[in-house]
């Protein structure tokens, strides 16, 4: 008889995000917070502005999470987290990790001023952006994280987004913060590893987590994990770390770089694209990948 293989658990067992919450099927944002809290543990406070997670958490006084949450205005995730951290230190608590947890709209756009201020001061907070590439909670509107060519309700098929995705990681690296890293929900061990590393560093830390959104991307919920892997393998969203704005380290090397075609085909938001448009998008990805490799080689 063949012996059954025993499953090896590579993630912390503790679950701080409860099941039965209000996330859509296949929600990458749900996975992102689940993995981050596994790494951070119980001594964590979340500051959440308007975003999908302001709804997923549940209606007051109920919550699907086992850690304290402070809901704040759309533009104030970083400044609220800074204030919460200062308050905890005033009462002698220097152990609790304070997390600003925001989507790409509240990070790339509306909350950028508060985030930049916190980073310039090097406030001791962990800022996590779960990136689903649009304002999903308020109706799938374009954000500056929306990729070139994508459909949203404010960039309809006849007028898709014609500008590249904002390089938020380069912006944060320019602040010379102690640590920033990119991650994808389809590589949970990598998410947990980088979160634990960030937890052990003092100052402003920034995690940029790619989080597929079946609802906003017009994709199948069962393809969410596949999309989160494909986006790394085709180098649309590379995984790397930056320390003090200077030391770039590629944390997942890609030996066989995939084209973006199959990734785009799984999402209805790109269904209108013509071959020549896809070709231009591929050239943009190739350029960004080559530029990142040069930064990694230089350090």
C-alpha atoms as a PDB file:
ATOM      1  CA  UNK A   1       0.000   0.000   0.000  1.00  0.00           C
ATOM      2  CA  UNK A   2       1.175   3.502  -0.816  1.00  0.00           C
ATOM      3  CA  UNK A   3       1.758   5.709   2.177  1.00  0.00           C
ATOM      4  CA  UNK A   4      -0.288   8.875   2.209  1.00  0.00           C
ATOM      5  CA  UNK A   5       1.774  12.045   2.141  1.00  0.00           C
ATOM      6  CA  UNK A   6       1.355  14.162   5.229  1.00  0.00           C
ATOM      7  CA  UNK A   7       0.540  17.802   4.643  1.00  0.00           C
ATOM      8  CA  UNK A   8       3.200  20.116   6.022  1.00  0.00           C
ATOM      9  CA  UNK A   9       1.888  23.400   7.392  1.00  0.00           C
ATOM     10  CA  UNK A  10       4.164  26.260   6.356  1.00  0.00           C
ATOM     11  CA  UNK A  11       2.018  29.099   7.713  1.00  0.00           C
ATOM     12  CA  UNK A  12       1.184  30.034  11.311  1.00  0.00           C
ATOM     13  CA  UNK A  13      -1.881  28.097  12.471  1.00  0.00           C
ATOM     14  CA  UNK A  14      -3.592  30.970  14.296  1.00  0.00           C
ATOM     15  CA  UNK A  15      -6.551  32.485  12.418  1.00  0.00           C
ATOM     16  CA  UNK A  16      -7.414  36.086  13.270  1.00  0.00           C
ATOM     17  CA  UNK A  17      -9.803  36.617  10.330  1.00  0.00           C
ATOM     18  CA  UNK A  18     -13.072  34.760  10.769  1.00  0.00           C
ATOM     19  CA  UNK A  19     -14.950  32.857   8.096  1.00  0.00           C
ATOM     20  CA  UNK A  20     -18.352  33.996   6.879  1.00  0.00           C
ATOM     21  CA  UNK A  21     -17.267  37.586   6.391  1.00  0.00           C
ATOM     22  CA  UNK A  22     -18.609  39.890   3.673  1.00  0.00           C
ATOM     23  CA  UNK A  23     -15.856  39.426   1.068  1.00  0.00           C
ATOM     24  CA  UNK A  24     -16.780  38.448  -2.494  1.00  0.00           C
ATOM     25  CA  UNK A  25     -15.902  34.962  -3.715  1.00  0.00           C
ATOM     26  CA  UNK A  26     -12.232  34.713  -4.632  1.00  0.00           C
ATOM     27  CA  UNK A  27     -11.394  38.025  -2.915  1.00  0.00           C
ATOM     28  CA  UNK A  28      -7.633  38.606  -2.856  1.00  0.00           C
ATOM     29  CA  UNK A  29      -7.988  41.331  -0.221  1.00  0.00           C
ATOM     30  CA  UNK A  30      -9.463  38.762   2.159  1.00  0.00           C
ATOM     31  CA  UNK A  31      -6.474  36.446   1.685  1.00  0.00           C
ATOM     32  CA  UNK A  32      -4.033  39.330   2.066  1.00  0.00           C
ATOM     33  CA  UNK A  33      -5.238  40.342   5.529  1.00  0.00           C
ATOM     34  CA  UNK A  34      -5.538  36.743   6.655  1.00  0.00           C
ATOM     35  CA  UNK A  35      -1.855  36.107   5.844  1.00  0.00           C
ATOM     36  CA  UNK A  36      -0.618  39.411   7.268  1.00  0.00           C
ATOM     37  CA  UNK A  37      -2.387  38.839  10.596  1.00  0.00           C
ATOM     38  CA  UNK A  38      -1.011  35.307  10.771  1.00  0.00           C
ATOM     39  CA  UNK A  39       2.447  36.887  10.646  1.00  0.00           C
ATOM     40  CA  UNK A  40       1.753  39.762  13.047  1.00  0.00           C
ATOM     41  CA  UNK A  41      -0.274  37.919  15.686  1.00  0.00           C
ATOM     42  CA  UNK A  42      -2.746  39.151  18.281  1.00  0.00           C
ATOM     43  CA  UNK A  43      -0.856  42.285  19.373  1.00  0.00           C
ATOM     44  CA  UNK A  44      -1.921  44.272  16.331  1.00  0.00           C
ATOM     45  CA  UNK A  45      -4.139  47.298  15.741  1.00  0.00           C
ATOM     46  CA  UNK A  46      -5.597  47.974  12.293  1.00  0.00           C
ATOM     47  CA  UNK A  47      -6.439  51.440  10.971  1.00  0.00           C
ATOM     48  CA  UNK A  48      -8.784  50.993   8.006  1.00  0.00           C
ATOM     49  CA  UNK A  49     -10.036  53.846   5.777  1.00  0.00           C
ATOM     50  CA  UNK A  50     -12.856  53.596   3.242  1.00  0.00           C
ATOM     51  CA  UNK A  51     -12.096  50.528   1.141  1.00  0.00           C
ATOM     52  CA  UNK A  52     -13.400  47.001   0.585  1.00  0.00           C
ATOM     53  CA  UNK A  53     -12.215  45.996   4.046  1.00  0.00           C
ATOM     54  CA  UNK A  54     -14.344  48.713   5.636  1.00  0.00           C
ATOM     55  CA  UNK A  55     -17.263  46.526   4.487  1.00  0.00           C
ATOM     56  CA  UNK A  56     -15.773  43.020   4.661  1.00  0.00           C
ATOM     57  CA  UNK A  57     -15.127  43.429   8.379  1.00  0.00           C
ATOM     58  CA  UNK A  58     -18.871  43.530   9.138  1.00  0.00           C
ATOM     59  CA  UNK A  59     -21.401  46.017  10.476  1.00  0.00           C
ATOM     60  CA  UNK A  60     -20.862  47.557  13.918  1.00  0.00           C
ATOM     61  CA  UNK A  61     -20.803  46.184  16.598  1.00  0.00           C
ATOM     62  CA  UNK A  62     -19.765  42.952  14.915  1.00  0.00           C
ATOM     63  CA  UNK A  63     -16.368  42.155  13.396  1.00  0.00           C
ATOM     64  CA  UNK A  64     -14.861  39.149  11.630  1.00  0.00           C
ATOM     65  CA  UNK A  65     -11.444  39.955  13.110  1.00  0.00           C
ATOM     66  CA  UNK A  66      -9.889  39.206  16.479  1.00  0.00           C
ATOM     67  CA  UNK A  67      -7.819  42.399  16.686  1.00  0.00           C
ATOM     68  CA  UNK A  68      -8.827  46.025  17.392  1.00  0.00           C
ATOM     69  CA  UNK A  69      -9.855  48.106  14.390  1.00  0.00           C
ATOM     70  CA  UNK A  70     -10.022  51.874  14.017  1.00  0.00           C
ATOM     71  CA  UNK A  71     -12.100  52.919  11.001  1.00  0.00           C
ATOM     72  CA  UNK A  72     -10.961  56.289   9.671  1.00  0.00           C
ATOM     73  CA  UNK A  73     -11.510  58.716   6.799  1.00  0.00           C
ATOM     74  CA  UNK A  74     -10.475  57.754   3.280  1.00  0.00           C
ATOM     75  CA  UNK A  75      -7.362  59.946   3.218  1.00  0.00           C
ATOM     76  CA  UNK A  76      -6.109  59.345   6.763  1.00  0.00           C
ATOM     77  CA  UNK A  77      -4.885  55.743   7.081  1.00  0.00           C
ATOM     78  CA  UNK A  78      -1.236  56.679   7.661  1.00  0.00           C
ATOM     79  CA  UNK A  79      -1.877  59.692   9.897  1.00  0.00           C
ATOM     80  CA  UNK A  80      -4.407  57.733  11.969  1.00  0.00           C
ATOM     81  CA  UNK A  81      -1.934  54.886  12.413  1.00  0.00           C
ATOM     82  CA  UNK A  82       0.710  57.402  13.481  1.00  0.00           C
ATOM     83  CA  UNK A  83      -1.649  58.794  16.110  1.00  0.00           C
ATOM     84  CA  UNK A  84      -2.620  55.359  17.405  1.00  0.00           C
ATOM     85  CA  UNK A  85       1.052  54.393  17.707  1.00  0.00           C
ATOM     86  CA  UNK A  86       1.831  57.600  19.626  1.00  0.00           C
ATOM     87  CA  UNK A  87      -1.096  56.955  21.961  1.00  0.00           C
ATOM     88  CA  UNK A  88       0.022  53.413  22.699  1.00  0.00           C
ATOM     89  CA  UNK A  89       3.553  54.598  23.459  1.00  0.00           C
ATOM     90  CA  UNK A  90       2.167  57.230  25.841  1.00  0.00           C
ATOM     91  CA  UNK A  91       0.655  54.453  27.973  1.00  0.00           C
ATOM     92  CA  UNK A  92       3.848  52.381  27.800  1.00  0.00           C
ATOM     93  CA  UNK A  93       2.906  49.949  25.011  1.00  0.00           C
ATOM     94  CA  UNK A  94       5.801  49.654  22.584  1.00  0.00           C
ATOM     95  CA  UNK A  95       5.081  46.085  21.507  1.00  0.00           C
ATOM     96  CA  UNK A  96       1.800  46.401  19.599  1.00  0.00           C
ATOM     97  CA  UNK A  97       2.187  46.673  15.826  1.00  0.00           C
ATOM     98  CA  UNK A  98       0.054  49.449  14.342  1.00  0.00           C
ATOM     99  CA  UNK A  99      -1.003  48.791  10.754  1.00  0.00           C
ATOM    100  CA  UNK A 100      -2.496  51.188   8.232  1.00  0.00           C
ATOM    101  CA  UNK A 101      -4.498  48.852   5.980  1.00  0.00           C
ATOM    102  CA  UNK A 102      -5.712  50.468   2.757  1.00  0.00           C
ATOM    103  CA  UNK A 103      -6.561  49.703  -0.852  1.00  0.00           C
ATOM    104  CA  UNK A 104      -4.843  51.185  -3.859  1.00  0.00           C
ATOM    105  CA  UNK A 105      -7.292  54.091  -4.112  1.00  0.00           C
ATOM    106  CA  UNK A 106      -6.616  55.109  -0.518  1.00  0.00           C
ATOM    107  CA  UNK A 107      -2.863  54.675  -1.034  1.00  0.00           C
ATOM    108  CA  UNK A 108      -1.845  55.636  -4.573  1.00  0.00           C
ATOM    109  CA  UNK A 109      -4.326  58.528  -4.702  1.00  0.00           C
ATOM    110  CA  UNK A 110      -6.420  59.825  -1.808  1.00  0.00           C
ATOM    111  CA  UNK A 111      -4.095  58.858   1.047  1.00  0.00           C
ATOM    112  CA  UNK A 112      -0.753  59.590  -0.606  1.00  0.00           C
ATOM    113  CA  UNK A 113      -0.247  62.889   1.254  1.00  0.00           C
ATOM    114  CA  UNK A 114      -0.625  61.277   4.697  1.00  0.00           C
ATOM    115  CA  UNK A 115       1.530  58.313   3.674  1.00  0.00           C
ATOM    116  CA  UNK A 116       4.276  60.593   2.367  1.00  0.00           C
ATOM    117  CA  UNK A 117       4.217  62.607   5.591  1.00  0.00           C
ATOM    118  CA  UNK A 118       4.502  59.493   7.754  1.00  0.00           C
ATOM    119  CA  UNK A 119       7.328  58.159   5.582  1.00  0.00           C
ATOM    120  CA  UNK A 120       9.226  61.473   5.684  1.00  0.00           C
ATOM    121  CA  UNK A 121       9.006  61.449   9.485  1.00  0.00           C
ATOM    122  CA  UNK A 122       9.804  57.724   9.535  1.00  0.00           C
ATOM    123  CA  UNK A 123       6.883  57.095  11.891  1.00  0.00           C
ATOM    124  CA  UNK A 124       6.924  53.633  13.432  1.00  0.00           C
ATOM    125  CA  UNK A 125       3.995  52.109  11.518  1.00  0.00           C
ATOM    126  CA  UNK A 126       3.456  49.301   9.048  1.00  0.00           C
ATOM    127  CA  UNK A 127       1.525  50.487   6.000  1.00  0.00           C
ATOM    128  CA  UNK A 128      -0.026  47.742   3.878  1.00  0.00           C
ATOM    129  CA  UNK A 129      -1.619  48.437   0.512  1.00  0.00           C
ATOM    130  CA  UNK A 130      -3.695  45.589  -0.890  1.00  0.00           C
ATOM    131  CA  UNK A 131      -3.760  46.400  -4.579  1.00  0.00           C
ATOM    132  CA  UNK A 132      -6.767  45.310  -6.659  1.00  0.00           C
ATOM    133  CA  UNK A 133      -6.096  48.034  -9.223  1.00  0.00           C
ATOM    134  CA  UNK A 134      -9.265  50.158  -8.914  1.00  0.00           C
ATOM    135  CA  UNK A 135     -11.738  51.685  -6.481  1.00  0.00           C
ATOM    136  CA  UNK A 136     -13.613  48.402  -6.110  1.00  0.00           C
ATOM    137  CA  UNK A 137     -15.733  49.160  -3.041  1.00  0.00           C
ATOM    138  CA  UNK A 138     -17.314  52.276  -4.542  1.00  0.00           C
ATOM    139  CA  UNK A 139     -18.100  50.884  -7.997  1.00  0.00           C
ATOM    140  CA  UNK A 140     -14.931  49.805  -9.886  1.00  0.00           C
ATOM    141  CA  UNK A 141     -13.680  53.271 -10.816  1.00  0.00           C
ATOM    142  CA  UNK A 142     -10.224  53.938 -12.264  1.00  0.00           C
ATOM    143  CA  UNK A 143      -7.395  54.622  -9.821  1.00  0.00           C
ATOM    144  CA  UNK A 144      -3.787  55.486 -10.594  1.00  0.00           C
ATOM    145  CA  UNK A 145      -3.050  51.810  -9.845  1.00  0.00           C
ATOM    146  CA  UNK A 146      -5.262  50.720 -12.743  1.00  0.00           C
ATOM    147  CA  UNK A 147      -3.065  49.271 -15.508  1.00  0.00           C
ATOM    148  CA  UNK A 148      -2.857  50.549 -19.057  1.00  0.00           C
ATOM    149  CA  UNK A 149      -5.741  49.426 -21.254  1.00  0.00           C
ATOM    150  CA  UNK A 150      -8.048  48.292 -18.456  1.00  0.00           C
ATOM    151  CA  UNK A 151     -11.803  48.717 -18.425  1.00  0.00           C
ATOM    152  CA  UNK A 152     -13.393  50.317 -15.364  1.00  0.00           C
ATOM    153  CA  UNK A 153     -16.729  52.085 -14.965  1.00  0.00           C
ATOM    154  CA  UNK A 154     -14.942  55.410 -15.494  1.00  0.00           C
ATOM    155  CA  UNK A 155     -12.731  54.089 -18.324  1.00  0.00           C
ATOM    156  CA  UNK A 156     -15.320  52.298 -20.505  1.00  0.00           C
ATOM    157  CA  UNK A 157     -14.412  50.003 -23.388  1.00  0.00           C
ATOM    158  CA  UNK A 158     -14.267  52.833 -25.932  1.00  0.00           C
ATOM    159  CA  UNK A 159     -12.039  54.901 -23.628  1.00  0.00           C
ATOM    160  CA  UNK A 160      -9.847  52.498 -21.604  1.00  0.00           C
ATOM    161  CA  UNK A 161      -7.138  53.806 -19.305  1.00  0.00           C
ATOM    162  CA  UNK A 162      -4.357  55.214 -21.458  1.00  0.00           C
ATOM    163  CA  UNK A 163      -1.766  55.888 -18.770  1.00  0.00           C
ATOM    164  CA  UNK A 164       0.588  53.398 -17.065  1.00  0.00           C
ATOM    165  CA  UNK A 165       0.114  52.269 -13.490  1.00  0.00           C
ATOM    166  CA  UNK A 166       1.715  54.620 -10.968  1.00  0.00           C
ATOM    167  CA  UNK A 167       4.983  53.262  -9.559  1.00  0.00           C
ATOM    168  CA  UNK A 168       4.076  53.614  -5.882  1.00  0.00           C
ATOM    169  CA  UNK A 169       7.063  51.512  -4.833  1.00  0.00           C
ATOM    170  CA  UNK A 170       9.521  53.892  -6.479  1.00  0.00           C
ATOM    171  CA  UNK A 171       7.775  56.762  -4.687  1.00  0.00           C
ATOM    172  CA  UNK A 172       8.139  55.023  -1.324  1.00  0.00           C
ATOM    173  CA  UNK A 173      11.753  54.057  -2.047  1.00  0.00           C
ATOM    174  CA  UNK A 174      12.458  57.729  -2.748  1.00  0.00           C
ATOM    175  CA  UNK A 175      11.463  58.437   0.872  1.00  0.00           C
ATOM    176  CA  UNK A 176      14.339  56.156   1.928  1.00  0.00           C
ATOM    177  CA  UNK A 177      12.166  54.275   4.424  1.00  0.00           C
ATOM    178  CA  UNK A 178      13.799  51.319   6.205  1.00  0.00           C
ATOM    179  CA  UNK A 179      11.853  48.630   4.368  1.00  0.00           C
ATOM    180  CA  UNK A 180       9.404  48.085   1.542  1.00  0.00           C
ATOM    181  CA  UNK A 181       8.419  44.907  -0.243  1.00  0.00           C
ATOM    182  CA  UNK A 182       6.023  43.640  -2.884  1.00  0.00           C
ATOM    183  CA  UNK A 183       4.052  40.431  -2.441  1.00  0.00           C
ATOM    184  CA  UNK A 184       1.198  38.480  -4.015  1.00  0.00           C
ATOM    185  CA  UNK A 185      -1.619  36.670  -2.238  1.00  0.00           C
ATOM    186  CA  UNK A 186      -0.879  33.611  -4.383  1.00  0.00           C
ATOM    187  CA  UNK A 187       2.474  33.197  -2.600  1.00  0.00           C
ATOM    188  CA  UNK A 188       1.354  33.121   1.052  1.00  0.00           C
ATOM    189  CA  UNK A 189       4.704  31.987   2.474  1.00  0.00           C
ATOM    190  CA  UNK A 190       6.340  35.019   0.870  1.00  0.00           C
ATOM    191  CA  UNK A 191       3.658  37.334   2.311  1.00  0.00           C
ATOM    192  CA  UNK A 192       4.156  35.935   5.820  1.00  0.00           C
ATOM    193  CA  UNK A 193       7.959  36.030   5.581  1.00  0.00           C
ATOM    194  CA  UNK A 194       8.039  39.669   4.475  1.00  0.00           C
ATOM    195  CA  UNK A 195       5.447  40.708   7.047  1.00  0.00           C
ATOM    196  CA  UNK A 196       7.470  39.123   9.840  1.00  0.00           C
ATOM    197  CA  UNK A 197      10.581  40.882   8.585  1.00  0.00           C
ATOM    198  CA  UNK A 198       8.728  44.208   8.510  1.00  0.00           C
ATOM    199  CA  UNK A 199       7.422  43.626  12.029  1.00  0.00           C
ATOM    200  CA  UNK A 200      10.981  43.421  13.347  1.00  0.00           C
ATOM    201  CA  UNK A 201      12.050  46.750  11.831  1.00  0.00           C
ATOM    202  CA  UNK A 202      11.495  50.136  13.466  1.00  0.00           C
ATOM    203  CA  UNK A 203      10.256  53.038  11.368  1.00  0.00           C
ATOM    204  CA  UNK A 204       7.941  53.248   8.376  1.00  0.00           C
ATOM    205  CA  UNK A 205       7.523  49.940   6.573  1.00  0.00           C
ATOM    206  CA  UNK A 206       5.522  49.539   3.371  1.00  0.00           C
ATOM    207  CA  UNK A 207       4.054  46.303   2.005  1.00  0.00           C
ATOM    208  CA  UNK A 208       2.473  46.345  -1.449  1.00  0.00           C
ATOM    209  CA  UNK A 209       0.352  43.204  -1.847  1.00  0.00           C
ATOM    210  CA  UNK A 210      -1.189  42.246  -5.193  1.00  0.00           C
ATOM    211  CA  UNK A 211      -4.775  41.135  -4.525  1.00  0.00           C
ATOM    212  CA  UNK A 212      -6.901  39.862  -7.458  1.00  0.00           C
ATOM    213  CA  UNK A 213     -10.528  41.050  -7.552  1.00  0.00           C
ATOM    214  CA  UNK A 214     -12.852  38.762  -9.572  1.00  0.00           C
ATOM    215  CA  UNK A 215     -15.725  41.258  -9.322  1.00  0.00           C
ATOM    216  CA  UNK A 216     -13.810  44.239 -10.683  1.00  0.00           C
ATOM    217  CA  UNK A 217     -11.677  42.276 -13.128  1.00  0.00           C
ATOM    218  CA  UNK A 218     -14.581  40.290 -14.616  1.00  0.00           C
ATOM    219  CA  UNK A 219     -12.729  37.057 -13.887  1.00  0.00           C
ATOM    220  CA  UNK A 220     -13.813  33.751 -12.341  1.00  0.00           C
ATOM    221  CA  UNK A 221     -13.402  33.481  -8.543  1.00  0.00           C
ATOM    222  CA  UNK A 222     -11.650  30.140  -8.979  1.00  0.00           C
ATOM    223  CA  UNK A 223      -8.976  31.858 -11.115  1.00  0.00           C
ATOM    224  CA  UNK A 224      -7.923  34.318  -8.381  1.00  0.00           C
ATOM    225  CA  UNK A 225      -4.951  32.268  -7.178  1.00  0.00           C
ATOM    226  CA  UNK A 226      -3.919  31.480 -10.756  1.00  0.00           C
ATOM    227  CA  UNK A 227      -3.972  35.183 -11.678  1.00  0.00           C
ATOM    228  CA  UNK A 228      -1.890  36.056  -8.609  1.00  0.00           C
ATOM    229  CA  UNK A 229       0.756  33.597  -9.774  1.00  0.00           C
ATOM    230  CA  UNK A 230       0.645  34.538 -13.444  1.00  0.00           C
ATOM    231  CA  UNK A 231       1.198  38.233 -12.689  1.00  0.00           C
ATOM    232  CA  UNK A 232       4.471  37.335 -10.966  1.00  0.00           C
ATOM    233  CA  UNK A 233       5.603  34.815 -13.580  1.00  0.00           C
ATOM    234  CA  UNK A 234       5.044  37.252 -16.444  1.00  0.00           C
ATOM    235  CA  UNK A 235       6.791  40.041 -14.471  1.00  0.00           C
ATOM    236  CA  UNK A 236       3.836  42.412 -14.499  1.00  0.00           C
ATOM    237  CA  UNK A 237       4.162  42.436 -10.700  1.00  0.00           C
ATOM    238  CA  UNK A 238       7.683  41.307  -9.652  1.00  0.00           C
ATOM    239  CA  UNK A 239       8.434  40.313  -6.069  1.00  0.00           C
ATOM    240  CA  UNK A 240      11.292  42.242  -4.454  1.00  0.00           C
ATOM    241  CA  UNK A 241      12.437  44.190  -1.393  1.00  0.00           C
ATOM    242  CA  UNK A 242      14.010  47.630  -0.994  1.00  0.00           C
ATOM    243  CA  UNK A 243      15.926  48.613   2.145  1.00  0.00           C
ATOM    244  CA  UNK A 244      16.559  52.289   2.947  1.00  0.00           C
ATOM    245  CA  UNK A 245      15.647  53.217  -0.615  1.00  0.00           C
ATOM    246  CA  UNK A 246      18.908  51.839  -1.981  1.00  0.00           C
ATOM    247  CA  UNK A 247      19.321  48.090  -1.619  1.00  0.00           C
ATOM    248  CA  UNK A 248      17.088  46.288  -4.122  1.00  0.00           C
ATOM    249  CA  UNK A 249      16.713  42.507  -3.771  1.00  0.00           C
ATOM    250  CA  UNK A 250      14.714  40.310  -6.119  1.00  0.00           C
ATOM    251  CA  UNK A 251      12.929  37.770  -3.899  1.00  0.00           C
ATOM    252  CA  UNK A 252      11.619  35.607  -6.725  1.00  0.00           C
ATOM    253  CA  UNK A 253      13.824  35.099  -9.743  1.00  0.00           C
ATOM    254  CA  UNK A 254      12.018  34.353 -12.998  1.00  0.00           C
ATOM    255  CA  UNK A 255      13.944  31.984 -15.275  1.00  0.00           C
ATOM    256  CA  UNK A 256      11.211  31.460 -17.859  1.00  0.00           C
ATOM    257  CA  UNK A 257       9.414  34.778 -18.214  1.00  0.00           C
ATOM    258  CA  UNK A 258       5.871  34.291 -19.526  1.00  0.00           C
ATOM    259  CA  UNK A 259       4.103  36.600 -21.993  1.00  0.00           C
ATOM    260  CA  UNK A 260       1.127  38.576 -20.698  1.00  0.00           C
ATOM    261  CA  UNK A 261      -1.422  37.230 -23.216  1.00  0.00           C
ATOM    262  CA  UNK A 262      -2.832  34.359 -21.136  1.00  0.00           C
ATOM    263  CA  UNK A 263      -3.037  36.577 -18.064  1.00  0.00           C
ATOM    264  CA  UNK A 264      -5.062  39.183 -19.954  1.00  0.00           C
ATOM    265  CA  UNK A 265      -7.417  36.605 -21.501  1.00  0.00           C
ATOM    266  CA  UNK A 266      -8.663  35.469 -18.082  1.00  0.00           C
ATOM    267  CA  UNK A 267      -9.980  38.975 -17.312  1.00  0.00           C
ATOM    268  CA  UNK A 268     -12.979  40.622 -18.915  1.00  0.00           C
ATOM    269  CA  UNK A 269     -11.551  44.060 -18.199  1.00  0.00           C
ATOM    270  CA  UNK A 270      -8.999  43.474 -21.010  1.00  0.00           C
ATOM    271  CA  UNK A 271     -11.325  41.680 -23.460  1.00  0.00           C
ATOM    272  CA  UNK A 272     -11.615  44.717 -25.752  1.00  0.00           C
ATOM    273  CA  UNK A 273      -7.875  44.989 -26.404  1.00  0.00           C
ATOM    274  CA  UNK A 274      -6.486  44.545 -29.905  1.00  0.00           C
ATOM    275  CA  UNK A 275      -3.206  42.685 -30.666  1.00  0.00           C
ATOM    276  CA  UNK A 276      -1.308  45.923 -31.258  1.00  0.00           C
ATOM    277  CA  UNK A 277      -2.425  47.245 -27.856  1.00  0.00           C
ATOM    278  CA  UNK A 278      -1.330  44.047 -26.127  1.00  0.00           C
ATOM    279  CA  UNK A 279       2.010  44.343 -27.894  1.00  0.00           C
ATOM    280  CA  UNK A 280       2.520  47.843 -26.455  1.00  0.00           C
ATOM    281  CA  UNK A 281       1.575  46.597 -22.984  1.00  0.00           C
ATOM    282  CA  UNK A 282       4.105  43.763 -23.291  1.00  0.00           C
ATOM    283  CA  UNK A 283       6.793  46.278 -24.230  1.00  0.00           C
ATOM    284  CA  UNK A 284       5.911  48.324 -21.127  1.00  0.00           C
ATOM    285  CA  UNK A 285       6.233  45.221 -18.915  1.00  0.00           C
ATOM    286  CA  UNK A 286       9.558  44.266 -20.507  1.00  0.00           C
ATOM    287  CA  UNK A 287      10.908  47.782 -19.979  1.00  0.00           C
ATOM    288  CA  UNK A 288       9.892  47.873 -16.321  1.00  0.00           C
ATOM    289  CA  UNK A 289      11.343  44.403 -15.687  1.00  0.00           C
ATOM    290  CA  UNK A 290      14.678  45.321 -17.281  1.00  0.00           C
ATOM    291  CA  UNK A 291      14.823  48.510 -15.201  1.00  0.00           C
ATOM    292  CA  UNK A 292      14.167  46.575 -11.976  1.00  0.00           C
ATOM    293  CA  UNK A 293      16.887  44.038 -12.807  1.00  0.00           C
ATOM    294  CA  UNK A 294      19.385  46.863 -13.255  1.00  0.00           C
ATOM    295  CA  UNK A 295      18.475  48.254  -9.827  1.00  0.00           C
ATOM    296  CA  UNK A 296      18.945  44.829  -8.252  1.00  0.00           C
ATOM    297  CA  UNK A 297      22.280  44.296  -9.987  1.00  0.00           C
ATOM    298  CA  UNK A 298      23.498  47.744  -8.929  1.00  0.00           C
ATOM    299  CA  UNK A 299      23.121  46.822  -5.254  1.00  0.00           C
END
